[in-house]
């Protein structure tokens, strides 16, 4: 075979990967506005016999192209898996429902029986959920086993529509003698809040076959967590529960711990950044100790857990022979607490299972006293919440904001030397205090002049200092409106002024940023950011500003597209940033 023929064959295989009944156009970055633009895809689909899986993720499909693709799918009865995430980059919100309805109608016309449906990273909101509502209720989804709707902006309304559709699908399929047996449900970063979570919990109770539930960063606090906990008791095959970055407090954590006692197949528990606190951690430790023989991972990081409770958690995993990771990072334990944890884990030869404690603060004893005071305040707050719950459904927005503002987990202390406590800064400088030990609360306390006060602390011509400051601000990002606005405004003004500063070196800025984010190796020993959700989310906002140099975007994009462990806990934030950069 001539070398030119081989090259053409390699190119063809790279474009369309065929095997095991799967046709893939994944990551081709195709912009398909019309039927003519989609002609290649349509031809491949029509000519593919026994099509079982179709990958369209990583392309952008307009209404007319979607209708044309839908026509080619209308006789594909054997189709089982639709990988359709990240499929509408740059499209108007009004276009997406029309496209989804066309594709859904085609599946129903074909009589397909789906086992997997992935529509993640499509920002379609509640209207998008309505557009797939009929599909989810239809016979096409009676066989559905995996549903992935990560980062779709569903909101409370979308969550309620989704819950009702799943419940009806289960009811109708049960009446046919073959109940829908959904195993995997993924819906992180959707702002479902309590009302959406409670609605979905009702659906989960009916379904009863779930093995994996991931609902990270949804603004759910203890009423929603308690509802989910009750629903999980009806799903005895659960292996993975990931509710990272919601707000349990003790009430939610204790309810979830009671549920864990009834679930013996659990392998992964991720309640990181969930404010479980010491009382909740003790309850979870009891559940772990008394059962969960298959436990492989337990994440209770950034939960305001005090030293003694953290040690109890460590002691609870002694006989968990399958355990691969215990994460108690960021719980203000202090040096003594960290050492005690390590000693406990070493005493039963599990020292390699304990995750990094690098984000722990050194003044653990002081933090414990402060936590006790905070606990008193939080108990008062929760009592008020209970009173509000009795008087009205769901709870008000002010309640949610207050809870989220209290959730001030410690963040990375970038380039803070051991002598930080004796640094020669005026003790009254709250801006300097924030930069030494960043937290959302400290940023908010700086008031409306926070940007000005922080800028006074740094030399804007020093690109490395600008990067360090940017990451400290971005790391305290939270979804509540007040913190979110404070972080974005501060980061915006910082970079806007820095890029205009005399002597500012842009190449040093981007290189240093990549190093501190752990995306580029450094010859020097650098403390990198451990959680990139905040930095990636803030970058998404600032890169859209006119002042942000467009020359930097291809560099950022190249590093974001590389495989990197730094992205393990922030895939949604990474994809959202990439999606934004594509549209610029």
Protein backbone atom coordinates (compact mmCIF):
# COMPACT_ATOMS: atom_id res chain seq x y z
CA UNK A 1 0.00 0.00 0.00
CA UNK A 2 1.40 3.40 -0.98
CA UNK A 3 2.39 5.78 1.82
CA UNK A 4 -0.22 8.31 0.65
CA UNK A 5 -2.94 5.65 0.93
CA UNK A 6 -1.76 4.76 4.43
CA UNK A 7 -1.87 8.42 5.47
CA UNK A 8 -5.40 8.77 4.11
CA UNK A 9 -6.46 5.62 5.96
CA UNK A 10 -4.97 6.89 9.22
CA UNK A 11 -6.75 10.22 8.79
CA UNK A 12 -10.05 8.47 8.11
CA UNK A 13 -9.71 6.27 11.20
CA UNK A 14 -8.82 9.31 13.32
CA UNK A 15 -11.94 11.10 12.15
CA UNK A 16 -14.45 8.30 12.60
CA UNK A 17 -13.59 5.57 15.08
CA UNK A 18 -15.70 2.52 14.40
CA UNK A 19 -15.79 -0.58 16.56
CA UNK A 20 -18.22 -2.60 18.63
CA UNK A 21 -21.18 -0.92 16.99
CA UNK A 22 -19.91 2.56 17.87
CA UNK A 23 -19.65 5.52 15.51
CA UNK A 24 -17.63 8.41 16.89
CA UNK A 25 -17.22 12.04 15.88
CA UNK A 26 -15.96 12.94 19.33
CA UNK A 27 -13.85 16.09 19.70
CA UNK A 28 -13.83 16.98 16.02
CA UNK A 29 -14.80 20.60 16.84
CA UNK A 30 -17.20 20.59 13.88
CA UNK A 31 -19.49 23.58 13.51
CA UNK A 32 -22.65 22.22 11.92
CA UNK A 33 -25.20 24.90 11.11
CA UNK A 34 -27.00 23.34 8.15
CA UNK A 35 -27.95 19.94 6.77
CA UNK A 36 -25.23 20.38 4.13
CA UNK A 37 -22.59 20.98 6.81
CA UNK A 38 -23.67 17.75 8.52
CA UNK A 39 -23.61 15.71 5.29
CA UNK A 40 -20.52 13.70 6.28
CA UNK A 41 -22.01 12.68 9.63
CA UNK A 42 -25.36 11.83 8.05
CA UNK A 43 -23.70 9.67 5.39
CA UNK A 44 -21.71 7.78 8.03
CA UNK A 45 -24.79 7.21 10.20
CA UNK A 46 -26.97 6.03 7.31
CA UNK A 47 -24.27 3.65 6.09
CA UNK A 48 -23.53 2.17 9.51
CA UNK A 49 -25.40 -1.09 10.02
CA UNK A 50 -26.30 -2.18 13.53
CA UNK A 51 -25.43 1.21 15.05
CA UNK A 52 -25.40 0.83 18.83
CA UNK A 53 -23.51 3.90 20.07
CA UNK A 54 -23.16 7.41 18.65
CA UNK A 55 -20.62 9.94 19.90
CA UNK A 56 -21.27 13.57 18.94
CA UNK A 57 -19.63 15.27 21.92
CA UNK A 58 -17.21 18.13 21.36
CA UNK A 59 -18.97 19.51 18.27
CA UNK A 60 -21.53 22.29 17.94
CA UNK A 61 -24.81 21.45 16.24
CA UNK A 62 -27.39 23.95 15.07
CA UNK A 63 -31.12 23.43 14.57
CA UNK A 64 -31.08 22.52 10.87
CA UNK A 65 -28.10 20.20 11.27
CA UNK A 66 -29.79 18.51 14.23
CA UNK A 67 -32.97 17.95 12.22
CA UNK A 68 -30.98 16.38 9.40
CA UNK A 69 -29.01 14.14 11.77
CA UNK A 70 -32.28 13.19 13.44
CA UNK A 71 -33.69 11.98 10.09
CA UNK A 72 -30.69 9.72 9.65
CA UNK A 73 -31.35 8.21 13.11
CA UNK A 74 -35.08 7.60 12.59
CA UNK A 75 -34.55 3.95 11.59
CA UNK A 76 -31.66 3.09 13.93
CA UNK A 77 -33.60 0.74 16.17
CA UNK A 78 -30.48 -0.86 17.68
CA UNK A 79 -29.09 2.43 19.03
CA UNK A 80 -28.45 2.09 22.78
CA UNK A 81 -25.88 4.72 23.78
CA UNK A 82 -25.99 8.44 22.99
CA UNK A 83 -22.89 10.33 24.06
CA UNK A 84 -24.10 13.85 23.34
CA UNK A 85 -22.30 16.04 25.85
CA UNK A 86 -20.78 19.44 24.97
CA UNK A 87 -22.80 19.56 21.75
CA UNK A 88 -24.12 23.12 21.61
CA UNK A 89 -21.16 25.43 22.22
CA UNK A 90 -21.94 28.96 21.05
CA UNK A 91 -25.60 28.20 20.33
CA UNK A 92 -28.47 30.38 21.49
CA UNK A 93 -30.42 29.05 24.44
CA UNK A 94 -33.53 29.06 22.21
CA UNK A 95 -31.89 26.77 19.61
CA UNK A 96 -30.98 23.92 21.93
CA UNK A 97 -34.51 22.71 22.86
CA UNK A 98 -35.53 22.55 19.19
CA UNK A 99 -32.45 20.49 18.36
CA UNK A 100 -33.01 18.15 21.32
CA UNK A 101 -36.69 17.64 20.47
CA UNK A 102 -35.75 16.66 16.90
CA UNK A 103 -33.17 14.13 18.09
CA UNK A 104 -35.52 12.75 20.74
CA UNK A 105 -38.37 12.32 18.27
CA UNK A 106 -36.04 10.40 15.96
CA UNK A 107 -35.13 7.97 18.73
CA UNK A 108 -38.80 7.43 19.54
CA UNK A 109 -39.67 6.93 15.87
CA UNK A 110 -36.90 4.36 15.53
CA UNK A 111 -38.07 2.48 18.60
CA UNK A 112 -34.59 2.58 20.07
CA UNK A 113 -33.98 1.25 23.57
CA UNK A 114 -31.39 3.44 25.28
CA UNK A 115 -29.14 2.22 28.06
CA UNK A 116 -26.96 5.35 28.25
CA UNK A 117 -27.77 9.02 27.66
CA UNK A 118 -25.15 11.70 28.27
CA UNK A 119 -26.13 15.35 27.73
CA UNK A 120 -23.60 16.85 30.13
CA UNK A 121 -21.99 20.27 29.59
CA UNK A 122 -24.89 21.54 27.53
CA UNK A 123 -26.13 24.74 29.17
CA UNK A 124 -29.77 24.23 28.24
CA UNK A 125 -31.43 25.18 31.54
CA UNK A 126 -35.01 24.24 32.48
CA UNK A 127 -36.17 24.62 28.85
CA UNK A 128 -33.67 21.96 27.82
CA UNK A 129 -35.06 19.58 30.41
CA UNK A 130 -38.56 20.20 29.06
CA UNK A 131 -37.29 19.35 25.58
CA UNK A 132 -36.20 15.86 26.67
CA UNK A 133 -39.14 15.31 29.02
CA UNK A 134 -41.20 13.38 26.45
CA UNK A 135 -38.18 11.26 25.53
CA UNK A 136 -37.50 10.39 29.18
CA UNK A 137 -41.10 9.26 29.66
CA UNK A 138 -41.14 7.17 26.47
CA UNK A 139 -40.41 3.48 25.86
CA UNK A 140 -36.99 4.54 24.57
CA UNK A 141 -35.93 5.13 28.18
CA UNK A 142 -37.62 2.14 29.83
CA UNK A 143 -34.23 0.42 29.49
CA UNK A 144 -32.13 3.41 30.60
CA UNK A 145 -29.26 2.52 32.96
CA UNK A 146 -27.08 5.65 32.91
CA UNK A 147 -28.25 9.26 32.79
CA UNK A 148 -25.63 12.02 32.82
CA UNK A 149 -26.74 15.65 32.96
CA UNK A 150 -23.69 17.27 34.51
CA UNK A 151 -23.33 21.05 34.29
CA UNK A 152 -26.52 21.77 32.36
CA UNK A 153 -27.86 24.71 34.39
CA UNK A 154 -31.13 22.91 35.14
CA UNK A 155 -31.92 24.89 38.28
CA UNK A 156 -34.71 24.01 40.69
CA UNK A 157 -37.39 23.97 37.98
CA UNK A 158 -35.39 21.73 35.69
CA UNK A 159 -34.66 19.35 38.55
CA UNK A 160 -38.35 19.06 39.36
CA UNK A 161 -39.27 18.43 35.72
CA UNK A 162 -36.56 15.78 35.48
CA UNK A 163 -37.71 14.10 38.68
CA UNK A 164 -41.31 13.92 37.48
CA UNK A 165 -40.24 12.49 34.12
CA UNK A 166 -38.09 9.78 35.74
CA UNK A 167 -40.90 8.86 38.14
CA UNK A 168 -43.39 8.55 35.29
CA UNK A 169 -40.95 6.51 33.20
CA UNK A 170 -40.49 4.09 36.08
CA UNK A 171 -44.22 3.86 36.66
CA UNK A 172 -45.05 3.24 32.99
CA UNK A 173 -42.24 0.72 32.51
CA UNK A 174 -43.30 -1.09 35.69
CA UNK A 175 -46.82 -1.39 34.30
CA UNK A 176 -45.30 -3.09 31.24
CA UNK A 177 -43.61 -5.63 33.52
CA UNK A 178 -40.05 -4.34 33.03
CA UNK A 179 -39.35 -1.46 35.45
CA UNK A 180 -36.67 1.03 34.43
CA UNK A 181 -33.51 0.00 36.31
CA UNK A 182 -31.47 3.22 36.38
CA UNK A 183 -28.00 2.56 37.83
CA UNK A 184 -26.02 5.78 37.30
CA UNK A 185 -27.31 9.32 37.87
CA UNK A 186 -24.93 12.27 37.44
CA UNK A 187 -26.14 15.87 37.78
CA UNK A 188 -23.42 18.06 39.31
CA UNK A 189 -23.25 21.86 39.00
CA UNK A 190 -26.93 22.37 38.25
CA UNK A 191 -28.07 24.62 41.14
CA UNK A 192 -30.75 22.09 42.06
CA UNK A 193 -30.85 23.39 45.66
CA UNK A 194 -33.20 21.84 48.23
CA UNK A 195 -36.35 21.83 46.14
CA UNK A 196 -34.71 20.11 43.18
CA UNK A 197 -32.92 17.61 45.41
CA UNK A 198 -36.12 16.75 47.31
CA UNK A 199 -38.00 16.17 44.05
CA UNK A 200 -35.25 13.89 42.74
CA UNK A 201 -35.12 12.07 46.07
CA UNK A 202 -38.78 11.12 45.60
CA UNK A 203 -37.94 9.70 42.18
CA UNK A 204 -34.94 7.78 43.58
CA UNK A 205 -37.19 6.15 46.19
CA UNK A 206 -39.38 4.72 43.45
CA UNK A 207 -36.53 3.63 41.20
CA UNK A 208 -34.60 1.71 43.86
CA UNK A 209 -31.84 0.39 41.56
CA UNK A 210 -29.24 3.17 41.74
CA UNK A 211 -25.59 2.20 42.08
CA UNK A 212 -23.96 5.59 41.57
CA UNK A 213 -25.24 9.09 42.42
CA UNK A 214 -23.16 12.21 41.78
CA UNK A 215 -24.77 15.56 42.61
CA UNK A 216 -21.80 17.81 43.36
CA UNK A 217 -21.96 21.58 43.87
CA UNK A 218 -25.73 22.00 43.74
CA UNK A 219 -26.38 24.37 46.64
CA UNK A 220 -28.14 21.64 48.62
CA UNK A 221 -28.27 22.06 52.41
CA UNK A 222 -29.56 19.82 55.17
CA UNK A 223 -33.27 19.52 54.22
CA UNK A 224 -32.28 18.32 50.75
CA UNK A 225 -29.51 16.11 52.11
CA UNK A 226 -31.89 14.45 54.56
CA UNK A 227 -34.35 13.77 51.74
CA UNK A 228 -31.61 12.18 49.66
CA UNK A 229 -30.46 10.13 52.64
CA UNK A 230 -33.95 8.64 53.03
CA UNK A 231 -34.11 7.89 49.30
CA UNK A 232 -30.73 6.15 49.37
CA UNK A 233 -32.03 3.62 51.90
CA UNK A 234 -34.32 2.35 49.12
CA UNK A 235 -31.33 1.85 46.80
CA UNK A 236 -29.44 -0.99 48.44
CA UNK A 237 -27.04 -1.48 45.52
CA UNK A 238 -25.47 1.96 45.88
CA UNK A 239 -21.69 1.86 45.43
CA UNK A 240 -20.79 5.52 44.86
CA UNK A 241 -22.21 8.61 46.58
CA UNK A 242 -20.59 11.89 45.56
CA UNK A 243 -22.21 15.00 47.06
CA UNK A 244 -19.04 17.11 47.17
CA UNK A 245 -19.43 20.86 47.78
CA UNK A 246 -22.94 20.95 49.19
CA UNK A 247 -23.79 22.03 52.75
CA UNK A 248 -24.68 19.14 55.07
CA UNK A 249 -24.08 20.66 58.53
CA UNK A 250 -24.46 18.21 61.42
CA UNK A 251 -28.12 17.53 60.68
CA UNK A 252 -27.52 16.41 57.13
CA UNK A 253 -24.36 14.49 58.02
CA UNK A 254 -26.05 12.56 60.84
CA UNK A 255 -29.00 11.66 58.59
CA UNK A 256 -26.61 10.46 55.89
CA UNK A 257 -24.63 8.47 58.46
CA UNK A 258 -27.78 6.61 59.52
CA UNK A 259 -28.39 5.74 55.88
CA UNK A 260 -24.82 4.50 55.42
CA UNK A 261 -25.42 1.96 58.18
CA UNK A 262 -28.01 0.32 55.92
CA UNK A 263 -25.87 0.27 52.75
CA UNK A 264 -23.32 -2.53 52.59
CA UNK A 265 -22.17 -2.15 48.98
CA UNK A 266 -20.73 1.36 49.29
CA UNK A 267 -17.26 1.78 47.77
CA UNK A 268 -16.88 5.57 47.46
CA UNK A 269 -18.14 8.29 49.82
CA UNK A 270 -17.30 11.84 48.78
CA UNK A 271 -18.61 14.40 51.25
CA UNK A 272 -15.67 16.77 50.78
CA UNK A 273 -16.31 20.50 51.27
CA UNK A 274 -19.72 19.66 52.74
CA UNK A 275 -19.36 21.19 56.21
CA UNK A 276 -20.10 17.91 58.01
CA UNK A 277 -18.31 19.23 61.14
CA UNK A 278 -17.16 17.15 64.08
CA UNK A 279 -20.52 15.77 65.18
CA UNK A 280 -21.34 14.70 61.63
CA UNK A 281 -17.89 13.18 61.18
CA UNK A 282 -18.31 11.13 64.36
CA UNK A 283 -21.64 9.79 63.11
CA UNK A 284 -20.10 8.88 59.76
CA UNK A 285 -17.15 7.23 61.55
CA UNK A 286 -19.59 5.06 63.51
CA UNK A 287 -21.30 3.99 60.28
CA UNK A 288 -17.95 3.18 58.67
CA UNK A 289 -16.73 1.19 61.65
CA UNK A 290 -19.88 -0.88 61.97
CA UNK A 291 -20.25 -1.76 58.28
CA UNK A 292 -19.27 -0.79 54.71
CA UNK A 293 -16.90 -3.73 54.11
CA UNK A 294 -16.27 -2.69 50.48
CA UNK A 295 -15.22 0.90 51.24
CA UNK A 296 -12.42 2.11 48.95
CA UNK A 297 -12.54 5.89 49.34
CA UNK A 298 -13.75 8.25 52.08
CA UNK A 299 -13.51 11.99 51.50
CA UNK A 300 -14.38 14.32 54.40
CA UNK A 301 -12.01 17.14 53.42
CA UNK A 302 -12.73 20.79 54.22
CA UNK A 303 -15.55 19.92 56.61
CA UNK A 304 -14.58 21.94 59.72
CA UNK A 305 -13.80 18.71 61.56
CA UNK A 306 -11.81 19.09 64.77
CA UNK A 307 -8.81 16.99 65.69
CA UNK A 308 -10.43 14.39 67.97
CA UNK A 309 -13.25 13.72 65.52
CA UNK A 310 -10.77 13.39 62.63
CA UNK A 311 -8.76 10.86 64.64
CA UNK A 312 -11.97 8.89 65.32
CA UNK A 313 -12.64 8.79 61.57
CA UNK A 314 -9.12 7.47 60.99
CA UNK A 315 -9.57 4.80 63.66
CA UNK A 316 -12.84 3.72 62.03
CA UNK A 317 -11.12 2.60 58.82
CA UNK A 318 -8.68 0.23 60.56
CA UNK A 319 -10.31 -2.95 59.28
CA UNK A 320 -11.29 -1.67 55.83
CA UNK A 321 -9.03 -3.95 53.80
CA UNK A 322 -10.06 -2.47 50.44
CA UNK A 323 -9.54 1.17 51.43
CA UNK A 324 -7.41 3.10 48.94
CA UNK A 325 -7.87 6.70 50.09
CA UNK A 326 -8.88 8.63 53.21
CA UNK A 327 -9.05 12.40 52.63
CA UNK A 328 -9.22 14.62 55.73
CA UNK A 329 -7.36 17.56 54.25
CA UNK A 330 -8.26 21.15 55.10
CA UNK A 331 -9.92 20.57 58.47
CA UNK A 332 -7.87 23.02 60.58
CA UNK A 333 -6.26 20.25 62.60
CA UNK A 334 -2.91 21.91 63.20
CA UNK A 335 0.51 20.27 63.17
CA UNK A 336 -0.27 18.11 66.21
CA UNK A 337 -3.49 16.86 64.70
CA UNK A 338 -1.80 15.99 61.41
CA UNK A 339 0.91 14.04 63.21
CA UNK A 340 -1.64 12.20 65.31
CA UNK A 341 -3.59 11.21 62.22
CA UNK A 342 -0.44 9.89 60.56
CA UNK A 343 0.46 7.90 63.68
CA UNK A 344 -2.98 6.32 63.83
CA UNK A 345 -2.86 5.31 60.16
CA UNK A 346 0.67 3.96 60.53
CA UNK A 347 -0.37 1.90 63.57
CA UNK A 348 -2.43 -0.37 61.30
CA UNK A 349 -0.20 -0.07 58.22
CA UNK A 350 -2.43 2.29 56.27
CA UNK A 351 -0.13 5.32 56.16
CA UNK A 352 -0.13 5.24 52.35
CA UNK A 353 -3.94 5.51 52.31
CA UNK A 354 -4.07 8.88 54.10
CA UNK A 355 -4.28 11.71 51.59
CA UNK A 356 -2.32 14.94 51.71
CA UNK A 357 -2.86 17.27 54.68
CA UNK A 358 -1.12 20.18 52.97
CA UNK A 359 -4.06 22.58 53.26
CA UNK A 360 -4.30 22.24 57.03
CA UNK A 361 -3.63 25.36 59.08
CA UNK A 362 -0.94 25.38 61.74
CA UNK A 363 -2.99 26.99 64.49
CA UNK A 364 -5.37 24.07 65.00
CA UNK A 365 -6.08 24.70 68.70
CA UNK A 366 -7.23 28.25 68.08
CA UNK A 367 -9.38 27.05 65.24
CA UNK A 368 -11.08 24.52 67.48
CA UNK A 369 -12.10 27.29 69.88
CA UNK A 370 -13.36 29.40 66.99
CA UNK A 371 -15.23 26.38 65.58
CA UNK A 372 -17.00 25.88 68.90
CA UNK A 373 -18.20 29.47 68.80
CA UNK A 374 -19.22 29.05 65.15
CA UNK A 375 -21.10 25.87 66.04
CA UNK A 376 -23.20 27.82 68.56
CA UNK A 377 -24.03 30.38 65.89
CA UNK A 378 -24.82 27.65 63.36
CA UNK A 379 -27.14 25.89 65.81
CA UNK A 380 -29.07 29.12 66.18
CA UNK A 381 -29.17 29.47 62.41
CA UNK A 382 -30.39 25.89 61.94
CA UNK A 383 -33.10 26.40 64.57
CA UNK A 384 -34.27 29.41 62.58
CA UNK A 385 -34.20 27.29 59.40
CA UNK A 386 -36.36 24.63 61.02
CA UNK A 387 -38.90 27.28 62.02
CA UNK A 388 -38.96 28.56 58.45
CA UNK A 389 -39.37 25.02 57.08
CA UNK A 390 -42.44 24.52 59.24
CA UNK A 391 -43.95 27.78 57.99
CA UNK A 392 -43.20 27.42 54.28
CA UNK A 393 -41.90 24.90 51.75
CA UNK A 394 -38.33 24.92 50.54
CA UNK A 395 -36.74 27.72 52.57
CA UNK A 396 -35.89 31.21 51.37
CA UNK A 397 -32.93 32.43 49.32
CA UNK A 398 -31.57 34.48 52.23
CA UNK A 399 -31.32 31.28 54.28
CA UNK A 400 -29.27 29.56 51.58
CA UNK A 401 -26.91 32.52 51.25
CA UNK A 402 -26.32 32.67 54.99
CA UNK A 403 -25.47 28.98 55.12
CA UNK A 404 -23.09 29.19 52.19
CA UNK A 405 -21.36 32.27 53.56
CA UNK A 406 -20.58 30.35 56.75
CA UNK A 407 -18.93 27.62 54.72
CA UNK A 408 -15.47 29.21 54.66
CA UNK A 409 -13.04 26.37 54.10
CA UNK A 410 -9.30 27.04 54.28
CA UNK A 411 -7.56 27.42 50.91
CA UNK A 412 -4.09 27.14 49.55
CA UNK A 413 -1.50 29.37 51.16
CA UNK A 414 0.64 30.08 48.17
CA UNK A 415 4.26 30.99 48.86
CA UNK A 416 3.64 31.73 52.52
CA UNK A 417 6.94 31.27 54.36
CA UNK A 418 7.10 29.57 57.77
CA UNK A 419 7.71 32.94 59.36
CA UNK A 420 4.34 34.26 58.18
CA UNK A 421 3.12 34.86 61.75
CA UNK A 422 5.85 37.40 62.36
CA UNK A 423 5.67 39.09 58.96
CA UNK A 424 6.21 42.81 59.26
CA UNK A 425 2.76 44.05 58.34
CA UNK A 426 0.59 46.37 60.37
CA UNK A 427 -1.65 44.14 62.52
CA UNK A 428 -4.69 46.17 61.49
CA UNK A 429 -4.21 45.40 57.80
CA UNK A 430 -7.17 43.13 57.04
CA UNK A 431 -6.09 42.90 53.40
CA UNK A 432 -2.72 41.49 54.46
CA UNK A 433 -4.49 39.06 56.77
CA UNK A 434 -6.64 37.85 53.88
CA UNK A 435 -3.59 37.35 51.67
CA UNK A 436 -1.84 35.36 54.42
CA UNK A 437 -4.86 33.16 55.24
CA UNK A 438 -7.53 33.56 52.54
CA UNK A 439 -11.17 32.75 53.22
CA UNK A 440 -14.50 33.97 51.81
CA UNK A 441 -15.39 35.60 55.12
CA UNK A 442 -12.16 37.62 55.26
CA UNK A 443 -12.68 38.82 51.69
CA UNK A 444 -16.24 39.94 52.41
CA UNK A 445 -15.13 41.77 55.58
CA UNK A 446 -12.90 44.02 53.47
CA UNK A 447 -16.06 45.73 52.25
CA UNK A 448 -16.68 47.61 49.03
CA UNK A 449 -13.07 48.83 48.83
CA UNK A 450 -11.62 45.31 48.95
CA UNK A 451 -10.05 45.56 45.49
CA UNK A 452 -8.28 48.79 46.35
CA UNK A 453 -7.05 47.45 49.70
CA UNK A 454 -5.68 44.26 48.15
CA UNK A 455 -4.00 46.11 45.27
CA UNK A 456 -2.20 48.28 47.82
CA UNK A 457 -0.47 45.15 49.12
CA UNK A 458 1.24 44.12 45.88
CA UNK A 459 3.49 45.44 43.12
CA UNK A 460 1.40 45.21 39.95
CA UNK A 461 4.49 45.08 37.76
CA UNK A 462 5.53 41.81 39.44
CA UNK A 463 3.77 39.12 37.39
CA UNK A 464 4.46 36.36 39.92
CA UNK A 465 2.92 38.36 42.78
CA UNK A 466 -0.10 39.10 40.60
CA UNK A 467 -0.55 35.38 39.91
CA UNK A 468 -0.27 34.50 43.60
CA UNK A 469 -2.81 37.15 44.54
CA UNK A 470 -5.18 36.16 41.72
CA UNK A 471 -5.14 32.52 42.85
CA UNK A 472 -5.71 33.41 46.50
CA UNK A 473 -8.75 35.46 45.53
CA UNK A 474 -10.04 32.84 43.08
CA UNK A 475 -9.55 29.99 45.55
CA UNK A 476 -12.24 31.37 47.92
CA UNK A 477 -14.86 31.41 45.14
CA UNK A 478 -18.28 30.18 46.23
CA UNK A 479 -21.62 30.12 44.41
CA UNK A 480 -23.50 32.33 46.87
CA UNK A 481 -24.14 35.69 45.23
CA UNK A 482 -22.21 37.91 47.66
CA UNK A 483 -19.00 35.87 47.69
CA UNK A 484 -19.19 35.25 43.96
CA UNK A 485 -19.50 38.97 43.20
CA UNK A 486 -16.68 39.88 45.60
CA UNK A 487 -14.30 37.34 44.06
CA UNK A 488 -15.09 38.20 40.45
CA UNK A 489 -14.91 41.96 41.00
CA UNK A 490 -11.60 41.71 42.86
CA UNK A 491 -10.00 39.38 40.31
CA UNK A 492 -11.29 41.54 37.46
CA UNK A 493 -9.81 44.75 38.82
CA UNK A 494 -6.54 43.06 39.76
CA UNK A 495 -5.89 41.71 36.26
CA UNK A 496 -7.19 44.80 34.50
CA UNK A 497 -4.74 47.01 36.39
CA UNK A 498 -1.89 44.49 36.15
CA UNK A 499 -2.07 44.07 32.38
CA UNK A 500 -1.78 47.84 31.99
CA UNK A 501 1.03 48.25 34.54
CA UNK A 502 4.42 49.45 33.32
CA UNK A 503 6.94 46.61 33.23
CA UNK A 504 4.34 43.84 33.54
CA UNK A 505 5.57 40.73 31.67
CA UNK A 506 2.71 38.77 30.15
CA UNK A 507 4.84 35.72 29.31
CA UNK A 508 5.96 35.49 32.94
CA UNK A 509 2.32 35.81 34.04
CA UNK A 510 1.00 32.91 31.95
CA UNK A 511 3.99 30.67 32.72
CA UNK A 512 3.71 31.33 36.45
CA UNK A 513 -0.05 30.82 36.37
CA UNK A 514 0.36 27.40 34.75
CA UNK A 515 3.04 26.43 37.28
CA UNK A 516 0.99 27.37 40.34
CA UNK A 517 -2.07 25.62 38.90
CA UNK A 518 0.00 22.44 38.61
CA UNK A 519 -0.26 22.34 34.81
CA UNK A 520 3.41 23.06 34.10
CA UNK A 521 6.39 21.61 35.93
CA UNK A 522 8.80 23.94 37.70
CA UNK A 523 12.45 23.42 38.54
CA UNK A 524 11.82 25.06 41.90
CA UNK A 525 9.74 23.58 44.72
CA UNK A 526 6.37 25.27 44.34
CA UNK A 527 3.19 24.82 46.40
CA UNK A 528 0.49 24.41 43.78
CA UNK A 529 -3.24 24.97 44.13
CA UNK A 530 -4.91 21.73 45.23
CA UNK A 531 -8.43 22.58 44.03
CA UNK A 532 -8.77 24.33 40.67
CA UNK A 533 -12.54 24.82 40.65
CA UNK A 534 -12.30 28.45 41.84
CA UNK A 535 -9.40 29.51 39.56
CA UNK A 536 -10.94 27.86 36.49
CA UNK A 537 -14.36 29.38 37.20
CA UNK A 538 -12.92 32.87 37.69
CA UNK A 539 -10.73 32.53 34.58
CA UNK A 540 -13.88 31.76 32.60
CA UNK A 541 -15.23 35.17 33.59
CA UNK A 542 -12.11 37.30 33.13
CA UNK A 543 -11.04 35.87 29.76
CA UNK A 544 -14.24 37.27 28.26
CA UNK A 545 -13.21 40.82 29.17
CA UNK A 546 -11.78 43.09 26.49
CA UNK A 547 -8.60 43.75 28.46
CA UNK A 548 -7.67 40.06 28.67
CA UNK A 549 -4.96 39.32 26.07
CA UNK A 550 -6.30 36.98 23.38
CA UNK A 551 -2.76 35.71 22.75
CA UNK A 552 -2.91 33.86 26.08
CA UNK A 553 -6.03 31.84 25.23
CA UNK A 554 -4.43 29.27 22.87
CA UNK A 555 -1.76 28.56 25.50
CA UNK A 556 -4.34 28.05 28.22
CA UNK A 557 -6.42 25.88 25.91
CA UNK A 558 -3.46 23.65 25.05
CA UNK A 559 -2.71 22.92 28.71
CA UNK A 560 -6.36 22.43 29.63
CA UNK A 561 -6.71 19.83 26.89
CA UNK A 562 -3.82 17.78 28.27
CA UNK A 563 -4.44 14.86 30.61
CA UNK A 564 -3.57 16.04 34.11
CA UNK A 565 -4.45 14.73 37.59
CA UNK A 566 -5.03 18.33 38.66
CA UNK A 567 -8.35 18.15 36.78
CA UNK A 568 -9.65 15.03 38.55
CA UNK A 569 -11.95 16.96 40.89
CA UNK A 570 -12.85 19.85 38.55
CA UNK A 571 -13.74 18.38 35.17
CA UNK A 572 -16.89 20.49 34.90
CA UNK A 573 -15.04 23.74 35.55
CA UNK A 574 -12.39 22.75 33.00
CA UNK A 575 -14.92 21.93 30.27
CA UNK A 576 -16.88 25.11 30.92
CA UNK A 577 -13.72 27.21 30.57
CA UNK A 578 -12.75 25.39 27.37
CA UNK A 579 -16.24 25.91 26.01
CA UNK A 580 -16.02 29.63 26.71
CA UNK A 581 -12.61 29.91 25.07
CA UNK A 582 -13.91 28.18 21.94
CA UNK A 583 -16.58 30.84 21.54
CA UNK A 584 -14.15 33.77 21.74
